[in-house]
Amino acid sequence: MRVDIFDFELPEALIALRPATPRDASLLLVVRSGEPMSETTTGDLADLLQPGDALVFNDTKVIPAQLTGVRERDGSVAHVGVTLHMRLSADTWAAFVKGAKKLQISDRVSFGSDALWASVTDKGEAGEITFQFDVSGEALDEAFVNVGQVPLPPYIASKRAIDSRDDTDYQTIYADEKGAVAAPTAGLHFTPELFEKLEARSVSKHFVTLHVGAGTFLPVKVDDTDDHKMHSEIGVVSAETAEALNAVRAKGGRIVSVGTTSLRLLESATGEDGLIQPWSGATDIFITPGYKFRAVDLLMTNFHLPKSTLFMLVSAFAGSEEMRDAYQFAIKNGYRFYSYGDSSLLHLKD
């Protein structure tokens, strides 16, 4: 499938640099094949759902994964920019590195004034480096807080400086499991007040974990989707969550995925029989039009980049023609795009 069929013109002025205040004041475009689109706000989400429906959230927590490193070798010094993207073990991370050509296997790199040290253990293609740090586990997480910063998406970071507001803004209110280097942005719209409305509506909440990697920001550089390689991300669906969601379906309730990350994980964990299984591991599932969805009935998601794997996913979910029309509507009506932007509620196309 040609990548250019997922292209569209987006005015830069529509790229959101800050979230709505309050979060649930963001616009919400409802898209269902065969019906006119409708507009509301995220704060009214409960009114769009039915008692017995289940919302599935990704409870990953963004870590300060943007680091600046210094490599010293034989008296020469080199500076590198490091974006961690996937934890491989308690002390080892895969990372994208600006200046990767300056690094060799066995090089030692220091980060921050507190001198967090790591060794280069592997080099991959396209600037990917594996670092083994001198500390591990919780101590390493704490070190990242001291030497790193929130890795805002490039379409925001290129337009303004990262500041202390982003430490809160770029984190869901229910974030719990440390390990993401990008936020599950559909969840950024939720507030305690919205959770209260959903509970009053008898809509249940369930949590899965997919540690979103920096690969989510990488552009699709090939001409055909068959040639694109997705980066893996680590996820978990607990036995308790799988059982609860299967029970929702058995009672006639709908599974509503909050974000493409929750959806990709649920689809990875669901068998051909439509039953969600307990699941743990890495997934590189790549969803394009023609994919048969097994786990999810509705998808809440932000507005994505042209020619991105995420725009391909929503086109597969709600219909390619429907999504082209929805994005044209959103652009014409000044919707805010990307991580800090507005949202949509998509119904699975039959």
Protein backbone atom coordinates (compact mmCIF):
# COMPACT_ATOMS: atom_id res chain seq x y z
CA MET A 1 0.00 0.00 0.00
CA ARG A 2 1.44 3.36 -1.03
CA VAL A 3 2.36 5.66 1.86
CA ASP A 4 1.47 8.83 -0.03
CA ILE A 5 -2.26 8.02 0.10
CA PHE A 6 -2.04 8.89 3.80
CA ASP A 7 -0.65 12.36 3.13
CA PHE A 8 -2.52 15.63 3.70
CA GLU A 9 -1.71 19.32 4.08
CA LEU A 10 -1.69 20.55 7.67
CA PRO A 11 -1.22 24.24 8.53
CA GLU A 12 1.54 24.62 11.12
CA ALA A 13 -0.67 26.96 13.11
CA LEU A 14 -2.86 23.96 14.05
CA ILE A 15 -0.02 22.15 15.86
CA ALA A 16 -0.86 22.52 19.57
CA LEU A 17 2.05 23.73 21.71
CA ARG A 18 0.10 23.59 25.00
CA PRO A 19 -2.85 21.46 26.13
CA ALA A 20 -6.34 22.78 26.69
CA THR A 21 -7.16 24.12 30.16
CA PRO A 22 -8.81 22.30 31.79
CA ARG A 23 -7.73 19.16 29.99
CA ASP A 24 -11.27 17.95 29.29
CA ALA A 25 -12.17 21.25 27.58
CA SER A 26 -10.51 19.90 24.42
CA LEU A 27 -12.71 19.39 21.37
CA LEU A 28 -13.96 15.89 20.57
CA LEU A 29 -15.02 14.92 17.04
CA VAL A 30 -17.28 11.86 16.85
CA VAL A 31 -16.88 9.80 13.67
CA ARG A 32 -19.13 6.90 12.70
CA SER A 33 -19.40 5.51 9.18
CA GLY A 34 -22.74 6.28 7.56
CA GLU A 35 -23.61 9.06 10.02
CA PRO A 36 -22.81 12.80 10.07
CA MET A 37 -19.85 13.79 12.21
CA SER A 38 -20.72 15.50 15.48
CA GLU A 39 -18.77 17.87 17.70
CA THR A 40 -18.58 18.09 21.46
CA THR A 41 -15.89 18.34 24.14
CA THR A 42 -14.01 15.59 25.95
CA GLY A 43 -15.79 16.57 29.15
CA ASP A 44 -18.99 15.17 27.62
CA LEU A 45 -17.48 11.77 26.78
CA ALA A 46 -19.67 9.95 29.32
CA ASP A 47 -22.80 11.03 27.43
CA LEU A 48 -21.47 9.30 24.30
CA LEU A 49 -20.97 5.95 26.01
CA GLN A 50 -23.40 3.37 27.33
CA PRO A 51 -23.68 1.85 30.80
CA GLY A 52 -21.63 -1.35 30.74
CA ASP A 53 -19.01 -0.01 28.31
CA ALA A 54 -15.35 -0.31 29.35
CA LEU A 55 -12.62 2.27 28.86
CA VAL A 56 -9.09 0.88 28.55
CA PHE A 57 -6.24 3.22 29.52
CA ASN A 58 -2.49 2.88 29.12
CA ASP A 59 -1.02 3.61 32.56
CA THR A 60 2.59 3.95 31.42
CA LYS A 61 4.54 6.83 32.98
CA VAL A 62 6.86 9.07 30.97
CA ILE A 63 10.43 9.22 32.25
CA PRO A 64 12.97 12.04 31.65
CA ALA A 65 14.46 10.19 28.70
CA GLN A 66 16.14 13.07 26.86
CA LEU A 67 19.82 13.07 27.86
CA THR A 68 22.98 14.92 26.85
CA GLY A 69 26.11 12.79 26.94
CA VAL A 70 29.86 13.33 26.80
CA ARG A 71 32.21 10.70 25.38
CA GLU A 72 35.93 10.87 26.11
CA ARG A 73 38.37 8.66 24.20
CA ASP A 74 42.14 9.03 23.86
CA GLY A 75 42.00 12.67 24.89
CA SER A 76 39.18 13.62 22.49
CA VAL A 77 35.75 14.72 23.66
CA ALA A 78 32.45 14.37 21.78
CA HIS A 79 28.94 15.47 22.73
CA VAL A 80 25.88 13.37 21.83
CA GLY A 81 22.13 13.79 22.23
CA VAL A 82 20.42 10.67 23.52
CA THR A 83 16.74 9.74 23.52
CA LEU A 84 16.06 6.50 25.36
CA HIS A 85 13.31 4.50 23.68
CA MET A 86 13.11 1.00 25.19
CA ARG A 87 14.31 -0.60 28.42
CA LEU A 88 16.03 -3.91 27.67
CA SER A 89 16.89 -4.84 31.27
CA ALA A 90 17.24 -3.23 34.69
CA ASP A 91 20.41 -1.41 33.61
CA THR A 92 20.25 -1.42 29.80
CA TRP A 93 18.38 0.83 27.37
CA ALA A 94 18.13 1.10 23.60
CA ALA A 95 18.36 4.71 22.44
CA PHE A 96 18.33 6.92 19.39
CA VAL A 97 21.46 9.05 19.35
CA LYS A 98 22.17 12.31 17.59
CA GLY A 99 25.86 12.00 16.82
CA ALA A 100 25.88 8.20 16.88
CA LYS A 101 28.84 8.12 14.48
CA LYS A 102 30.96 9.52 17.31
CA LEU A 103 30.39 6.39 19.38
CA GLN A 104 32.03 2.99 19.22
CA ILE A 105 31.30 -0.22 21.12
CA SER A 106 32.96 -0.13 24.57
CA ASP A 107 32.98 3.69 24.67
CA ARG A 108 32.13 5.22 28.02
CA VAL A 109 29.63 8.09 28.10
CA SER A 110 28.81 10.39 31.03
CA PHE A 111 25.49 12.16 31.50
CA GLY A 112 24.86 15.26 33.60
CA SER A 113 26.85 16.97 36.32
CA ASP A 114 26.22 14.00 38.64
CA ALA A 115 28.16 11.85 36.15
CA LEU A 116 25.81 9.02 35.41
CA TRP A 117 27.95 6.65 33.35
CA ALA A 118 27.11 4.10 30.69
CA SER A 119 28.97 1.84 28.29
CA VAL A 120 28.12 1.42 24.62
CA THR A 121 27.38 -2.26 24.13
CA ASP A 122 25.84 -2.30 20.66
CA LYS A 123 25.31 -0.14 17.57
CA GLY A 124 22.42 -0.55 15.18
CA GLU A 125 21.23 1.15 12.05
CA ALA A 126 19.91 4.71 11.82
CA GLY A 127 21.61 5.96 14.96
CA GLU A 128 20.39 3.34 17.41
CA ILE A 129 22.73 2.63 20.33
CA THR A 130 22.48 0.25 23.30
CA PHE A 131 23.73 1.64 26.62
CA GLN A 132 24.48 -0.36 29.76
CA PHE A 133 24.41 1.98 32.76
CA ASP A 134 26.52 1.66 35.91
CA VAL A 135 23.39 1.68 38.10
CA SER A 136 20.14 -0.17 37.61
CA GLY A 137 16.50 -0.43 38.58
CA GLU A 138 15.04 2.28 40.80
CA ALA A 139 18.43 3.92 41.26
CA LEU A 140 18.71 4.36 37.49
CA ASP A 141 15.20 5.81 37.30
CA GLU A 142 16.15 8.34 39.97
CA ALA A 143 19.33 9.21 38.10
CA PHE A 144 17.32 9.95 34.95
CA VAL A 145 15.24 12.43 36.95
CA ASN A 146 18.45 14.25 37.91
CA VAL A 147 20.12 14.33 34.50
CA GLY A 148 17.30 14.08 31.95
CA GLN A 149 14.30 16.02 30.75
CA VAL A 150 10.89 15.19 29.34
CA PRO A 151 11.31 14.20 25.68
CA LEU A 152 8.63 16.35 24.06
CA PRO A 153 7.75 15.41 20.49
CA PRO A 154 9.94 17.17 17.89
CA TYR A 155 6.98 19.07 16.45
CA ILE A 156 6.63 20.82 19.84
CA ALA A 157 10.26 20.93 21.00
CA SER A 158 11.35 22.55 17.72
CA LYS A 159 8.96 25.45 18.32
CA ARG A 160 9.48 26.27 22.00
CA ALA A 161 11.63 25.39 24.98
CA ILE A 162 10.66 22.57 27.31
CA ASP A 163 9.69 23.94 30.74
CA SER A 164 8.42 22.82 34.14
CA ARG A 165 4.78 22.85 32.97
CA ASP A 166 5.56 19.98 30.63
CA ASP A 167 6.53 17.76 33.57
CA THR A 168 2.82 17.75 34.47
CA ASP A 169 1.17 18.46 31.13
CA TYR A 170 2.92 15.58 29.36
CA GLN A 171 1.75 12.98 31.88
CA THR A 172 -1.67 11.40 32.33
CA ILE A 173 -3.29 11.80 35.75
CA TYR A 174 -3.27 8.00 36.16
CA ALA A 175 0.33 7.36 35.02
CA ASP A 176 1.81 4.65 37.22
CA GLU A 177 4.28 2.30 35.51
CA LYS A 178 7.60 4.01 34.69
CA GLY A 179 9.10 3.34 31.30
CA ALA A 180 7.60 5.43 28.50
CA VAL A 181 9.52 8.07 26.60
CA ALA A 182 6.38 9.41 24.95
CA ALA A 183 2.98 9.99 26.51
CA PRO A 184 -0.14 8.00 25.54
CA THR A 185 -1.61 11.31 24.47
CA ALA A 186 -5.30 10.40 24.21
CA GLY A 187 -5.20 9.99 27.98
CA LEU A 188 -3.99 13.56 28.52
CA HIS A 189 -7.60 14.77 28.18
CA PHE A 190 -8.87 13.06 31.33
CA THR A 191 -9.53 14.80 34.64
CA PRO A 192 -10.84 13.63 38.02
CA GLU A 193 -14.14 15.32 37.18
CA LEU A 194 -14.44 13.35 33.95
CA PHE A 195 -13.68 10.12 35.81
CA GLU A 196 -16.54 10.92 38.19
CA LYS A 197 -18.94 11.40 35.24
CA LEU A 198 -17.85 8.08 33.73
CA GLU A 199 -18.36 6.27 37.03
CA ALA A 200 -21.83 7.80 37.40
CA ARG A 201 -22.60 6.54 33.87
CA SER A 202 -21.52 3.00 34.91
CA VAL A 203 -18.63 2.99 32.46
CA SER A 204 -15.80 0.91 33.91
CA LYS A 205 -12.09 1.75 33.79
CA HIS A 206 -9.33 -0.75 33.09
CA PHE A 207 -5.59 -0.37 32.73
CA VAL A 208 -2.95 -1.95 30.53
CA THR A 209 0.69 -0.92 30.16
CA LEU A 210 2.53 -0.22 26.92
CA HIS A 211 5.78 1.69 27.32
CA VAL A 212 5.59 4.06 24.37
CA GLY A 213 8.94 4.47 22.62
CA ALA A 214 10.47 7.34 20.68
CA GLY A 215 9.93 5.29 17.54
CA THR A 216 6.36 6.60 17.58
CA PHE A 217 7.76 9.93 16.32
CA LEU A 218 9.81 8.48 13.49
CA PRO A 219 8.55 9.34 10.01
CA VAL A 220 7.69 6.63 7.52
CA LYS A 221 10.55 6.92 5.03
CA VAL A 222 9.54 4.20 2.58
CA ASP A 223 7.14 4.47 -0.35
CA ASP A 224 5.22 1.30 0.45
CA THR A 225 3.85 0.20 3.83
CA ASP A 226 5.17 -3.33 3.21
CA ASP A 227 8.70 -1.96 3.52
CA HIS A 228 8.19 -0.14 6.83
CA LYS A 229 9.68 -1.62 10.01
CA MET A 230 7.95 -0.81 13.29
CA HIS A 231 10.02 -0.44 16.46
CA SER A 232 9.06 -2.78 19.28
CA GLU A 233 7.48 -1.59 22.52
CA ILE A 234 7.11 -3.50 25.78
CA GLY A 235 3.61 -4.12 27.14
CA VAL A 236 1.57 -6.02 29.71
CA VAL A 237 -2.08 -7.08 29.90
CA SER A 238 -2.77 -8.65 33.28
CA ALA A 239 -4.91 -11.75 33.73
CA GLU A 240 -7.32 -9.68 35.82
CA THR A 241 -7.75 -7.07 33.08
CA ALA A 242 -8.14 -9.68 30.34
CA GLU A 243 -10.82 -11.49 32.34
CA ALA A 244 -12.69 -8.26 33.11
CA LEU A 245 -12.71 -7.10 29.48
CA ASN A 246 -13.87 -10.48 28.21
CA ALA A 247 -16.71 -10.31 30.76
CA VAL A 248 -17.69 -6.85 29.47
CA ARG A 249 -17.92 -8.20 25.94
CA ALA A 250 -19.90 -11.25 27.09
CA LYS A 251 -22.50 -8.95 28.67
CA GLY A 252 -22.87 -6.86 25.50
CA GLY A 253 -20.65 -3.99 26.58
CA ARG A 254 -18.21 -2.27 24.24
CA ILE A 255 -14.44 -2.00 24.59
CA VAL A 256 -13.36 1.63 24.19
CA SER A 257 -9.62 2.04 23.74
CA VAL A 258 -8.18 5.31 25.01
CA GLY A 259 -5.39 5.82 22.50
CA THR A 260 -3.67 3.87 19.78
CA THR A 261 -1.17 2.44 22.26
CA SER A 262 -3.90 0.70 24.28
CA LEU A 263 -5.43 -0.53 21.03
CA ARG A 264 -2.18 -1.94 19.65
CA LEU A 265 -1.56 -3.80 22.89
CA LEU A 266 -5.10 -5.19 23.09
CA GLU A 267 -4.93 -6.36 19.49
CA SER A 268 -1.59 -8.05 20.22
CA ALA A 269 -3.17 -9.88 23.16
CA THR A 270 -6.36 -11.03 21.42
CA GLY A 271 -6.77 -14.34 19.62
CA GLU A 272 -8.72 -15.18 16.49
CA ASP A 273 -11.63 -16.13 18.75
CA GLY A 274 -11.89 -12.54 19.98
CA LEU A 275 -10.86 -13.38 23.54
CA ILE A 276 -8.26 -11.18 25.20
CA GLN A 277 -5.48 -13.20 26.81
CA PRO A 278 -3.00 -12.24 29.55
CA TRP A 279 0.01 -10.94 27.68
CA SER A 280 3.53 -9.71 28.34
CA GLY A 281 6.34 -8.87 25.97
CA ALA A 282 7.33 -6.76 23.00
CA THR A 283 4.95 -5.87 20.19
CA ASP A 284 5.70 -4.34 16.82
CA ILE A 285 2.19 -4.73 15.42
CA PHE A 286 1.66 -2.48 12.38
CA ILE A 287 -2.00 -1.83 11.54
CA THR A 288 -3.01 -0.60 8.10
CA PRO A 289 -6.31 -0.67 6.16
CA GLY A 290 -7.47 -4.24 5.65
CA TYR A 291 -6.61 -5.30 9.20
CA LYS A 292 -9.42 -7.19 10.98
CA PHE A 293 -9.87 -5.79 14.49
CA ARG A 294 -10.66 -8.30 17.22
CA ALA A 295 -10.59 -6.49 20.56
CA VAL A 296 -11.81 -2.89 20.26
CA ASP A 297 -15.17 -1.33 19.36
CA LEU A 298 -14.41 2.38 19.77
CA LEU A 299 -11.17 4.35 19.75
CA MET A 300 -10.51 7.71 21.38
CA THR A 301 -7.44 9.28 19.80
CA ASN A 302 -5.84 12.62 18.94
CA PHE A 303 -5.25 13.95 15.42
CA HIS A 304 -2.06 12.53 13.95
CA LEU A 305 0.71 13.42 11.52
CA PRO A 306 0.41 13.05 7.75
CA LYS A 307 1.84 9.76 6.43
CA SER A 308 2.28 8.45 9.98
CA THR A 309 1.66 4.89 11.13
CA LEU A 310 -0.98 6.32 13.49
CA PHE A 311 -2.97 7.92 10.68
CA MET A 312 -2.77 4.57 8.89
CA LEU A 313 -4.13 2.87 12.01
CA VAL A 314 -7.13 5.19 12.40
CA SER A 315 -7.85 4.82 8.68
CA ALA A 316 -7.92 1.06 9.16
CA PHE A 317 -10.20 1.41 12.19
CA ALA A 318 -12.82 3.92 11.07
CA GLY A 319 -12.39 3.80 7.29
CA SER A 320 -9.95 5.58 4.97
CA GLU A 321 -12.58 7.81 3.34
CA GLU A 322 -14.15 8.60 6.69
CA MET A 323 -10.82 9.67 8.17
CA ARG A 324 -9.89 11.81 5.19
CA ASP A 325 -13.22 13.60 5.57
CA ALA A 326 -12.77 13.90 9.35
CA TYR A 327 -9.29 15.40 9.05
CA GLN A 328 -10.43 17.84 6.36
CA PHE A 329 -13.28 18.87 8.70
CA ALA A 330 -10.88 19.24 11.63
CA ILE A 331 -8.46 21.39 9.64
CA LYS A 332 -11.25 23.58 8.25
CA ASN A 333 -12.68 24.12 11.73
CA GLY A 334 -9.42 24.85 13.51
CA TYR A 335 -8.98 21.68 15.55
CA ARG A 336 -5.64 21.43 17.34
CA PHE A 337 -3.38 18.57 16.24
CA TYR A 338 -0.92 16.11 17.78
CA SER A 339 0.08 15.41 21.38
CA TYR A 340 -1.37 18.49 23.07
CA GLY A 341 -4.23 18.84 20.62
CA ASP A 342 -7.91 17.93 20.42
CA SER A 343 -9.35 14.44 20.21
CA SER A 344 -11.77 12.20 18.36
CA LEU A 345 -14.04 9.29 19.18
CA LEU A 346 -14.02 6.77 16.36
CA HIS A 347 -16.47 3.89 15.87
CA LEU A 348 -15.14 0.74 14.26
CA LYS A 349 -16.30 0.56 10.67
CA ASP A 350 -18.30 -2.59 9.96
